[in-house]
Full PDB file with SEQRES, HELIX, SHEET, SSBOND, CRYST1, ORIGX, SCALE, CONECT and MASTER records, all heavy atoms in Angstrom:
SEQRES   1 A   37  ARG SER ALA THR ILE GLU ARG ASN THR LYS GLU THR GLU          
SEQRES   2 A   37  ILE PHE VAL GLU VAL ASN LEU ASP GLY THR GLY THR TYR          
SEQRES   3 A   37  ASP VAL SER THR GLY ILE GLY PHE LEU ASP HIS                  
HELIX    1 AA1 GLY A   33  ASP A   36  1                                   4    
SHEET    1 AA1 2 SER A   2  ASN A   8  0                                        
SHEET    2 AA1 2 GLU A  13  ASN A  19 -1                                        
CRYST1    1.000    1.000    1.000  90.00  90.00  90.00 P 1           1          
ORIGX1      1.000000  0.000000  0.000000        0.00000                         
ORIGX2      0.000000  1.000000  0.000000        0.00000                         
ORIGX3      0.000000  0.000000  1.000000        0.00000                         
SCALE1      1.000000  0.000000  0.000000        0.00000                         
SCALE2      0.000000  1.000000  0.000000        0.00000                         
SCALE3      0.000000  0.000000  1.000000        0.00000                         
ATOM      1  N   ARG A   1      -1.848  -4.441   7.811  1.00  0.00           N  
ATOM      2  CA  ARG A   1      -0.906  -4.830   8.858  1.00  0.00           C  
ATOM      3  C   ARG A   1       0.288  -3.875   8.805  1.00  0.00           C  
ATOM      4  O   ARG A   1       1.134  -3.968   7.920  1.00  0.00           O  
ATOM      5  CB  ARG A   1      -0.460  -6.279   8.650  1.00  0.00           C  
ATOM      6  CG  ARG A   1      -1.623  -7.273   8.715  1.00  0.00           C  
ATOM      7  CD  ARG A   1      -1.171  -8.665   8.343  1.00  0.00           C  
ATOM      8  NE  ARG A   1      -0.749  -8.753   6.960  1.00  0.00           N  
ATOM      9  CZ  ARG A   1      -0.131  -9.798   6.415  1.00  0.00           C  
ATOM     10  NH1 ARG A   1       0.142 -10.850   7.152  1.00  0.00           N  
ATOM     11  NH2 ARG A   1       0.217  -9.797   5.137  1.00  0.00           N  
ATOM     12  N   SER A   2       0.337  -2.969   9.750  1.00  0.00           N  
ATOM     13  CA  SER A   2       1.380  -1.951   9.742  1.00  0.00           C  
ATOM     14  C   SER A   2       1.855  -1.673  11.158  1.00  0.00           C  
ATOM     15  O   SER A   2       1.188  -2.043  12.141  1.00  0.00           O  
ATOM     16  CB  SER A   2       0.874  -0.663   9.092  1.00  0.00           C  
ATOM     17  OG  SER A   2      -0.252  -0.168   9.800  1.00  0.00           O  
ATOM     18  N   ALA A   3       2.999  -1.036  11.269  1.00  0.00           N  
ATOM     19  CA  ALA A   3       3.555  -0.702  12.581  1.00  0.00           C  
ATOM     20  C   ALA A   3       4.554   0.431  12.429  1.00  0.00           C  
ATOM     21  O   ALA A   3       5.179   0.602  11.379  1.00  0.00           O  
ATOM     22  CB  ALA A   3       4.226  -1.915  13.212  1.00  0.00           C  
ATOM     23  N   THR A   4       4.711   1.187  13.511  1.00  0.00           N  
ATOM     24  CA  THR A   4       5.695   2.263  13.581  1.00  0.00           C  
ATOM     25  C   THR A   4       6.531   2.075  14.842  1.00  0.00           C  
ATOM     26  O   THR A   4       5.978   1.840  15.916  1.00  0.00           O  
ATOM     27  CB  THR A   4       5.009   3.643  13.617  1.00  0.00           C  
ATOM     28  OG1 THR A   4       4.227   3.805  12.428  1.00  0.00           O  
ATOM     29  CG2 THR A   4       6.039   4.763  13.700  1.00  0.00           C  
ATOM     30  N   ILE A   5       7.828   2.170  14.679  1.00  0.00           N  
ATOM     31  CA  ILE A   5       8.754   2.051  15.804  1.00  0.00           C  
ATOM     32  C   ILE A   5       9.627   3.294  15.864  1.00  0.00           C  
ATOM     33  O   ILE A   5      10.208   3.703  14.848  1.00  0.00           O  
ATOM     34  CB  ILE A   5       9.667   0.809  15.654  1.00  0.00           C  
ATOM     35  CG1 ILE A   5       8.845  -0.481  15.651  1.00  0.00           C  
ATOM     36  CG2 ILE A   5      10.732   0.783  16.756  1.00  0.00           C  
ATOM     37  CD1 ILE A   5       8.175  -0.811  16.959  1.00  0.00           C  
ATOM     38  N   GLU A   6       9.701   3.902  17.025  1.00  0.00           N  
ATOM     39  CA  GLU A   6      10.663   4.976  17.273  1.00  0.00           C  
ATOM     40  C   GLU A   6      11.569   4.504  18.398  1.00  0.00           C  
ATOM     41  O   GLU A   6      11.093   4.133  19.467  1.00  0.00           O  
ATOM     42  CB  GLU A   6       9.954   6.279  17.632  1.00  0.00           C  
ATOM     43  CG  GLU A   6       9.158   6.847  16.473  1.00  0.00           C  
ATOM     44  CD  GLU A   6       8.610   8.236  16.744  1.00  0.00           C  
ATOM     45  OE1 GLU A   6       9.428   9.142  17.026  1.00  0.00           O  
ATOM     46  OE2 GLU A   6       7.392   8.396  16.690  1.00  0.00           O  
ATOM     47  N   ARG A   7      12.858   4.520  18.154  1.00  0.00           N  
ATOM     48  CA  ARG A   7      13.829   3.951  19.092  1.00  0.00           C  
ATOM     49  C   ARG A   7      14.994   4.925  19.235  1.00  0.00           C  
ATOM     50  O   ARG A   7      15.778   5.100  18.310  1.00  0.00           O  
ATOM     51  CB  ARG A   7      14.310   2.596  18.558  1.00  0.00           C  
ATOM     52  CG  ARG A   7      15.147   1.776  19.516  1.00  0.00           C  
ATOM     53  CD  ARG A   7      15.460   0.418  18.888  1.00  0.00           C  
ATOM     54  NE  ARG A   7      16.093  -0.480  19.840  1.00  0.00           N  
ATOM     55  CZ  ARG A   7      17.410  -0.517  20.064  1.00  0.00           C  
ATOM     56  NH1 ARG A   7      18.209   0.285  19.392  1.00  0.00           N  
ATOM     57  NH2 ARG A   7      17.908  -1.356  20.960  1.00  0.00           N  
ATOM     58  N   ASN A   8      15.099   5.534  20.386  1.00  0.00           N  
ATOM     59  CA  ASN A   8      16.138   6.535  20.617  1.00  0.00           C  
ATOM     60  C   ASN A   8      17.034   6.113  21.778  1.00  0.00           C  
ATOM     61  O   ASN A   8      16.549   5.837  22.871  1.00  0.00           O  
ATOM     62  CB  ASN A   8      15.519   7.897  20.912  1.00  0.00           C  
ATOM     63  CG  ASN A   8      14.693   8.417  19.745  1.00  0.00           C  
ATOM     64  OD1 ASN A   8      15.109   8.310  18.598  1.00  0.00           O  
ATOM     65  ND2 ASN A   8      13.528   8.965  20.025  1.00  0.00           N  
ATOM     66  N   THR A   9      18.338   6.035  21.512  1.00  0.00           N  
ATOM     67  CA  THR A   9      19.323   5.748  22.535  1.00  0.00           C  
ATOM     68  C   THR A   9      20.444   6.783  22.421  1.00  0.00           C  
ATOM     69  O   THR A   9      20.403   7.674  21.577  1.00  0.00           O  
ATOM     70  CB  THR A   9      19.921   4.331  22.361  1.00  0.00           C  
ATOM     71  OG1 THR A   9      20.759   4.314  21.194  1.00  0.00           O  
ATOM     72  CG2 THR A   9      18.819   3.283  22.201  1.00  0.00           C  
ATOM     73  N   LYS A  10      21.463   6.632  23.245  1.00  0.00           N  
ATOM     74  CA  LYS A  10      22.621   7.525  23.155  1.00  0.00           C  
ATOM     75  C   LYS A  10      23.441   7.262  21.901  1.00  0.00           C  
ATOM     76  O   LYS A  10      24.289   8.068  21.528  1.00  0.00           O  
ATOM     77  CB  LYS A  10      23.499   7.362  24.393  1.00  0.00           C  
ATOM     78  CG  LYS A  10      22.845   7.867  25.679  1.00  0.00           C  
ATOM     79  CD  LYS A  10      23.777   7.713  26.864  1.00  0.00           C  
ATOM     80  CE  LYS A  10      23.127   8.241  28.139  1.00  0.00           C  
ATOM     81  NZ  LYS A  10      24.004   8.076  29.332  1.00  0.00           N  
ATOM     82  N   GLU A  11      23.156   6.147  21.238  1.00  0.00           N  
ATOM     83  CA  GLU A  11      23.929   5.752  20.054  1.00  0.00           C  
ATOM     84  C   GLU A  11      23.200   6.001  18.744  1.00  0.00           C  
ATOM     85  O   GLU A  11      23.837   6.308  17.736  1.00  0.00           O  
ATOM     86  CB  GLU A  11      24.298   4.276  20.167  1.00  0.00           C  
ATOM     87  CG  GLU A  11      25.170   3.979  21.382  1.00  0.00           C  
ATOM     88  CD  GLU A  11      25.266   2.514  21.741  1.00  0.00           C  
ATOM     89  OE1 GLU A  11      24.438   1.719  21.234  1.00  0.00           O  
ATOM     90  OE2 GLU A  11      26.159   2.160  22.515  1.00  0.00           O  
ATOM     91  N   THR A  12      21.864   5.871  18.749  1.00  0.00           N  
ATOM     92  CA  THR A  12      21.093   6.040  17.519  1.00  0.00           C  
ATOM     93  C   THR A  12      19.722   6.644  17.805  1.00  0.00           C  
ATOM     94  O   THR A  12      19.164   6.461  18.884  1.00  0.00           O  
ATOM     95  CB  THR A  12      20.863   4.691  16.798  1.00  0.00           C  
ATOM     96  OG1 THR A  12      20.237   3.778  17.702  1.00  0.00           O  
ATOM     97  CG2 THR A  12      22.162   4.104  16.275  1.00  0.00           C  
ATOM     98  N   GLU A  13      19.206   7.357  16.808  1.00  0.00           N  
ATOM     99  CA  GLU A  13      17.817   7.822  16.802  1.00  0.00           C  
ATOM    100  C   GLU A  13      17.172   7.230  15.553  1.00  0.00           C  
ATOM    101  O   GLU A  13      17.617   7.487  14.435  1.00  0.00           O  
ATOM    102  CB  GLU A  13      17.745   9.343  16.774  1.00  0.00           C  
ATOM    103  CG  GLU A  13      18.352  10.020  17.989  1.00  0.00           C  
ATOM    104  CD  GLU A  13      18.322  11.527  17.888  1.00  0.00           C  
ATOM    105  OE1 GLU A  13      17.695  12.054  16.933  1.00  0.00           O  
ATOM    106  OE2 GLU A  13      18.947  12.190  18.730  1.00  0.00           O  
ATOM    107  N   ILE A  14      16.109   6.455  15.762  1.00  0.00           N  
ATOM    108  CA  ILE A  14      15.547   5.671  14.659  1.00  0.00           C  
ATOM    109  C   ILE A  14      14.044   5.848  14.556  1.00  0.00           C  
ATOM    110  O   ILE A  14      13.326   5.825  15.559  1.00  0.00           O  
ATOM    111  CB  ILE A  14      15.861   4.166  14.842  1.00  0.00           C  
ATOM    112  CG1 ILE A  14      17.375   3.940  14.815  1.00  0.00           C  
ATOM    113  CG2 ILE A  14      15.195   3.320  13.770  1.00  0.00           C  
ATOM    114  CD1 ILE A  14      17.783   2.497  14.968  1.00  0.00           C  
ATOM    115  N   PHE A  15      13.579   5.985  13.311  1.00  0.00           N  
ATOM    116  CA  PHE A  15      12.152   5.930  12.978  1.00  0.00           C  
ATOM    117  C   PHE A  15      11.971   4.876  11.906  1.00  0.00           C  
ATOM    118  O   PHE A  15      12.632   4.929  10.854  1.00  0.00           O  
ATOM    119  CB  PHE A  15      11.659   7.281  12.468  1.00  0.00           C  
ATOM    120  CG  PHE A  15      10.232   7.251  11.971  1.00  0.00           C  
ATOM    121  CD1 PHE A  15       9.177   7.460  12.844  1.00  0.00           C  
ATOM    122  CD2 PHE A  15       9.946   7.003  10.626  1.00  0.00           C  
ATOM    123  CE1 PHE A  15       7.861   7.427  12.396  1.00  0.00           C  
ATOM    124  CE2 PHE A  15       8.636   6.973  10.173  1.00  0.00           C  
ATOM    125  CZ  PHE A  15       7.596   7.186  11.066  1.00  0.00           C  
ATOM    126  N   VAL A  16      11.119   3.898  12.165  1.00  0.00           N  
ATOM    127  CA  VAL A  16      10.824   2.847  11.188  1.00  0.00           C  
ATOM    128  C   VAL A  16       9.318   2.670  11.091  1.00  0.00           C  
ATOM    129  O   VAL A  16       8.618   2.603  12.108  1.00  0.00           O  
ATOM    130  CB  VAL A  16      11.481   1.506  11.583  1.00  0.00           C  
ATOM    131  CG1 VAL A  16      10.986   0.379  10.674  1.00  0.00           C  
ATOM    132  CG2 VAL A  16      12.990   1.601  11.510  1.00  0.00           C  
ATOM    133  N   GLU A  17       8.844   2.575   9.873  1.00  0.00           N  
ATOM    134  CA  GLU A  17       7.420   2.322   9.621  1.00  0.00           C  
ATOM    135  C   GLU A  17       7.309   1.257   8.541  1.00  0.00           C  
ATOM    136  O   GLU A  17       7.991   1.342   7.512  1.00  0.00           O  
ATOM    137  CB  GLU A  17       6.739   3.612   9.172  1.00  0.00           C  
ATOM    138  CG  GLU A  17       5.226   3.525   9.067  1.00  0.00           C  
ATOM    139  CD  GLU A  17       4.617   4.899   8.824  1.00  0.00           C  
ATOM    140  OE1 GLU A  17       5.042   5.551   7.845  1.00  0.00           O  
ATOM    141  OE2 GLU A  17       3.758   5.321   9.607  1.00  0.00           O  
ATOM    142  N   VAL A  18       6.475   0.240   8.778  1.00  0.00           N  
ATOM    143  CA  VAL A  18       6.279  -0.817   7.788  1.00  0.00           C  
ATOM    144  C   VAL A  18       4.798  -1.024   7.510  1.00  0.00           C  
ATOM    145  O   VAL A  18       3.950  -0.806   8.372  1.00  0.00           O  
ATOM    146  CB  VAL A  18       6.893  -2.164   8.238  1.00  0.00           C  
ATOM    147  CG1 VAL A  18       8.396  -2.043   8.437  1.00  0.00           C  
ATOM    148  CG2 VAL A  18       6.218  -2.702   9.482  1.00  0.00           C  
ATOM    149  N   ASN A  19       4.524  -1.446   6.297  1.00  0.00           N  
ATOM    150  CA  ASN A  19       3.197  -1.895   5.883  1.00  0.00           C  
ATOM    151  C   ASN A  19       3.399  -3.215   5.155  1.00  0.00           C  
ATOM    152  O   ASN A  19       3.948  -3.247   4.049  1.00  0.00           O  
ATOM    153  CB  ASN A  19       2.535  -0.861   4.972  1.00  0.00           C  
ATOM    154  CG  ASN A  19       1.228  -1.356   4.378  1.00  0.00           C  
ATOM    155  OD1 ASN A  19       0.717  -2.413   4.738  1.00  0.00           O  
ATOM    156  ND2 ASN A  19       0.677  -0.586   3.448  1.00  0.00           N  
ATOM    157  N   LEU A  20       2.978  -4.297   5.806  1.00  0.00           N  
ATOM    158  CA  LEU A  20       3.204  -5.626   5.237  1.00  0.00           C  
ATOM    159  C   LEU A  20       2.406  -5.857   3.965  1.00  0.00           C  
ATOM    160  O   LEU A  20       2.756  -6.722   3.160  1.00  0.00           O  
ATOM    161  CB  LEU A  20       2.843  -6.709   6.258  1.00  0.00           C  
ATOM    162  CG  LEU A  20       3.563  -6.674   7.609  1.00  0.00           C  
ATOM    163  CD1 LEU A  20       3.190  -7.913   8.418  1.00  0.00           C  
ATOM    164  CD2 LEU A  20       5.062  -6.557   7.451  1.00  0.00           C  
ATOM    165  N   ASP A  21       1.334  -5.110   3.779  1.00  0.00           N  
ATOM    166  CA  ASP A  21       0.455  -5.300   2.623  1.00  0.00           C  
ATOM    167  C   ASP A  21       0.685  -4.206   1.589  1.00  0.00           C  
ATOM    168  O   ASP A  21      -0.243  -3.725   0.949  1.00  0.00           O  
ATOM    169  CB  ASP A  21      -1.001  -5.312   3.093  1.00  0.00           C  
ATOM    170  CG  ASP A  21      -1.252  -6.417   4.103  1.00  0.00           C  
ATOM    171  OD1 ASP A  21      -0.929  -7.573   3.797  1.00  0.00           O  
ATOM    172  OD2 ASP A  21      -1.735  -6.117   5.218  1.00  0.00           O  
ATOM    173  N   GLY A  22       1.943  -3.841   1.416  1.00  0.00           N  
ATOM    174  CA  GLY A  22       2.290  -2.751   0.519  1.00  0.00           C  
ATOM    175  C   GLY A  22       2.657  -3.220  -0.877  1.00  0.00           C  
ATOM    176  O   GLY A  22       2.293  -4.316  -1.318  1.00  0.00           O  
ATOM    177  N   THR A  23       3.435  -2.386  -1.551  1.00  0.00           N  
ATOM    178  CA  THR A  23       3.863  -2.670  -2.925  1.00  0.00           C  
ATOM    179  C   THR A  23       5.379  -2.601  -3.064  1.00  0.00           C  
ATOM    180  O   THR A  23       5.904  -2.663  -4.172  1.00  0.00           O  
ATOM    181  CB  THR A  23       3.222  -1.675  -3.907  1.00  0.00           C  
ATOM    182  OG1 THR A  23       3.587  -0.334  -3.528  1.00  0.00           O  
ATOM    183  CG2 THR A  23       1.707  -1.809  -3.904  1.00  0.00           C  
ATOM    184  N   GLY A  24       6.086  -2.461  -1.942  1.00  0.00           N  
ATOM    185  CA  GLY A  24       7.539  -2.396  -1.988  1.00  0.00           C  
ATOM    186  C   GLY A  24       8.088  -1.011  -2.202  1.00  0.00           C  
ATOM    187  O   GLY A  24       9.178  -0.843  -2.761  1.00  0.00           O  
ATOM    188  N   THR A  25       7.360   0.006  -1.743  1.00  0.00           N  
ATOM    189  CA  THR A  25       7.883   1.367  -1.806  1.00  0.00           C  
ATOM    190  C   THR A  25       8.727   1.622  -0.561  1.00  0.00           C  
ATOM    191  O   THR A  25       8.455   1.086   0.513  1.00  0.00           O  
ATOM    192  CB  THR A  25       6.758   2.407  -1.893  1.00  0.00           C  
ATOM    193  OG1 THR A  25       5.920   2.314  -0.729  1.00  0.00           O  
ATOM    194  CG2 THR A  25       5.906   2.177  -3.129  1.00  0.00           C  
ATOM    195  N   TYR A  26       9.742   2.466  -0.701  1.00  0.00           N  
ATOM    196  CA  TYR A  26      10.678   2.653   0.403  1.00  0.00           C  
ATOM    197  C   TYR A  26      11.224   4.078   0.450  1.00  0.00           C  
ATOM    198  O   TYR A  26      11.267   4.787  -0.551  1.00  0.00           O  
ATOM    199  CB  TYR A  26      11.838   1.664   0.286  1.00  0.00           C  
ATOM    200  CG  TYR A  26      12.541   1.684  -1.052  1.00  0.00           C  
ATOM    201  CD1 TYR A  26      13.502   2.647  -1.357  1.00  0.00           C  
ATOM    202  CD2 TYR A  26      12.233   0.732  -2.026  1.00  0.00           C  
ATOM    203  CE1 TYR A  26      14.127   2.670  -2.589  1.00  0.00           C  
ATOM    204  CE2 TYR A  26      12.851   0.753  -3.254  1.00  0.00           C  
ATOM    205  CZ  TYR A  26      13.806   1.718  -3.535  1.00  0.00           C  
ATOM    206  OH  TYR A  26      14.415   1.736  -4.758  1.00  0.00           O  
ATOM    207  N   ASP A  27      11.634   4.448   1.646  1.00  0.00           N  
ATOM    208  CA  ASP A  27      12.346   5.707   1.904  1.00  0.00           C  
ATOM    209  C   ASP A  27      13.335   5.392   3.018  1.00  0.00           C  
ATOM    210  O   ASP A  27      12.972   5.348   4.186  1.00  0.00           O  
ATOM    211  CB  ASP A  27      11.358   6.799   2.330  1.00  0.00           C  
ATOM    212  CG  ASP A  27      12.036   8.114   2.668  1.00  0.00           C  
ATOM    213  OD1 ASP A  27      13.251   8.239   2.452  1.00  0.00           O  
ATOM    214  OD2 ASP A  27      11.341   9.018   3.181  1.00  0.00           O  
ATOM    215  N   VAL A  28      14.578   5.112   2.641  1.00  0.00           N  
ATOM    216  CA  VAL A  28      15.567   4.583   3.577  1.00  0.00           C  
ATOM    217  C   VAL A  28      16.764   5.519   3.654  1.00  0.00           C  
ATOM    218  O   VAL A  28      17.343   5.888   2.626  1.00  0.00           O  
ATOM    219  CB  VAL A  28      16.045   3.179   3.154  1.00  0.00           C  
ATOM    220  CG1 VAL A  28      17.137   2.674   4.098  1.00  0.00           C  
ATOM    221  CG2 VAL A  28      14.876   2.206   3.105  1.00  0.00           C  
ATOM    222  N   SER A  29      17.140   5.887   4.872  1.00  0.00           N  
ATOM    223  CA  SER A  29      18.324   6.713   5.086  1.00  0.00           C  
ATOM    224  C   SER A  29      18.960   6.313   6.412  1.00  0.00           C  
ATOM    225  O   SER A  29      18.466   6.673   7.478  1.00  0.00           O  
ATOM    226  CB  SER A  29      17.951   8.203   5.098  1.00  0.00           C  
ATOM    227  OG  SER A  29      19.095   8.995   5.368  1.00  0.00           O  
ATOM    228  N   THR A  30      20.060   5.553   6.334  1.00  0.00           N  
ATOM    229  CA  THR A  30      20.762   5.106   7.531  1.00  0.00           C  
ATOM    230  C   THR A  30      22.071   5.840   7.756  1.00  0.00           C  
ATOM    231  O   THR A  30      22.673   5.718   8.820  1.00  0.00           O  
ATOM    232  CB  THR A  30      21.078   3.599   7.454  1.00  0.00           C  
ATOM    233  OG1 THR A  30      22.047   3.384   6.408  1.00  0.00           O  
ATOM    234  CG2 THR A  30      19.829   2.785   7.189  1.00  0.00           C  
ATOM    235  N   GLY A  31      22.538   6.554   6.740  1.00  0.00           N  
ATOM    236  CA  GLY A  31      23.849   7.173   6.806  1.00  0.00           C  
ATOM    237  C   GLY A  31      24.952   6.269   6.271  1.00  0.00           C  
ATOM    238  O   GLY A  31      26.101   6.683   6.169  1.00  0.00           O  
ATOM    239  N   ILE A  32      24.610   5.021   5.932  1.00  0.00           N  
ATOM    240  CA  ILE A  32      25.553   4.068   5.348  1.00  0.00           C  
ATOM    241  C   ILE A  32      25.002   3.683   3.982  1.00  0.00           C  
ATOM    242  O   ILE A  32      24.019   2.961   3.876  1.00  0.00           O  
ATOM    243  CB  ILE A  32      25.718   2.813   6.231  1.00  0.00           C  
ATOM    244  CG1 ILE A  32      26.111   3.193   7.658  1.00  0.00           C  
ATOM    245  CG2 ILE A  32      26.759   1.865   5.624  1.00  0.00           C  
ATOM    246  CD1 ILE A  32      26.077   2.036   8.645  1.00  0.00           C  
ATOM    247  N   GLY A  33      25.633   4.169   2.927  1.00  0.00           N  
ATOM    248  CA  GLY A  33      25.078   4.033   1.585  1.00  0.00           C  
ATOM    249  C   GLY A  33      24.796   2.605   1.172  1.00  0.00           C  
ATOM    250  O   GLY A  33      23.721   2.310   0.621  1.00  0.00           O  
ATOM    251  N   PHE A  34      25.727   1.699   1.421  1.00  0.00           N  
ATOM    252  CA  PHE A  34      25.514   0.320   0.977  1.00  0.00           C  
ATOM    253  C   PHE A  34      24.406  -0.357   1.782  1.00  0.00           C  
ATOM    254  O   PHE A  34      23.629  -1.155   1.235  1.00  0.00           O  
ATOM    255  CB  PHE A  34      26.804  -0.497   1.078  1.00  0.00           C  
ATOM    256  CG  PHE A  34      26.748  -1.767   0.283  1.00  0.00           C  
ATOM    257  CD1 PHE A  34      27.047  -1.771  -1.064  1.00  0.00           C  
ATOM    258  CD2 PHE A  34      26.357  -2.962   0.877  1.00  0.00           C  
ATOM    259  CE1 PHE A  34      26.972  -2.943  -1.811  1.00  0.00           C  
ATOM    260  CE2 PHE A  34      26.276  -4.127   0.140  1.00  0.00           C  
ATOM    261  CZ  PHE A  34      26.585  -4.123  -1.209  1.00  0.00           C  
ATOM    262  N   LEU A  35      24.305  -0.032   3.076  1.00  0.00           N  
ATOM    263  CA  LEU A  35      23.215  -0.582   3.885  1.00  0.00           C  
ATOM    264  C   LEU A  35      21.869  -0.077   3.377  1.00  0.00           C  
ATOM    265  O   LEU A  35      20.900  -0.846   3.299  1.00  0.00           O  
ATOM    266  CB  LEU A  35      23.414  -0.225   5.357  1.00  0.00           C  
ATOM    267  CG  LEU A  35      22.377  -0.783   6.337  1.00  0.00           C  
ATOM    268  CD1 LEU A  35      22.341  -2.302   6.295  1.00  0.00           C  
ATOM    269  CD2 LEU A  35      22.658  -0.283   7.750  1.00  0.00           C  
ATOM    270  N   ASP A  36      21.791   1.203   3.022  1.00  0.00           N  
ATOM    271  CA  ASP A  36      20.568   1.731   2.405  1.00  0.00           C  
ATOM    272  C   ASP A  36      20.178   0.891   1.196  1.00  0.00           C  
ATOM    273  O   ASP A  36      19.016   0.501   1.035  1.00  0.00           O  
ATOM    274  CB  ASP A  36      20.778   3.177   1.943  1.00  0.00           C  
ATOM    275  CG  ASP A  36      20.868   4.182   3.075  1.00  0.00           C  
ATOM    276  OD1 ASP A  36      20.687   3.797   4.243  1.00  0.00           O  
ATOM    277  OD2 ASP A  36      21.125   5.358   2.780  1.00  0.00           O  
ATOM    278  N   HIS A  37      21.154   0.631   0.342  1.00  0.00           N  
ATOM    279  CA  HIS A  37      20.911  -0.116  -0.892  1.00  0.00           C  
ATOM    280  C   HIS A  37      20.357  -1.505  -0.607  1.00  0.00           C  
ATOM    281  O   HIS A  37      19.416  -1.971  -1.261  1.00  0.00           O  
ATOM    282  CB  HIS A  37      22.217  -0.208  -1.679  1.00  0.00           C  
ATOM    283  CG  HIS A  37      22.131  -0.943  -2.973  1.00  0.00           C  
ATOM    284  ND1 HIS A  37      21.119  -0.746  -3.898  1.00  0.00           N  
ATOM    285  CD2 HIS A  37      22.952  -1.888  -3.521  1.00  0.00           C  
ATOM    286  CE1 HIS A  37      21.313  -1.528  -4.949  1.00  0.00           C  
ATOM    287  NE2 HIS A  37      22.411  -2.241  -4.730  1.00  0.00           N  
TER     288      HIS A  37                                                      
MASTER        0    0    0    1    2    0    0    6  287    1    0    3          
END                                                                             
């Protein structure tokens, strides 16, 4: 069970990919350090 979302507006450019049956691996970069955490 997985999905990919690309969402581009005048305010943000976003790429998100999830796999619900994963192991909790991540690669997160939002530009806001605490939000990443």
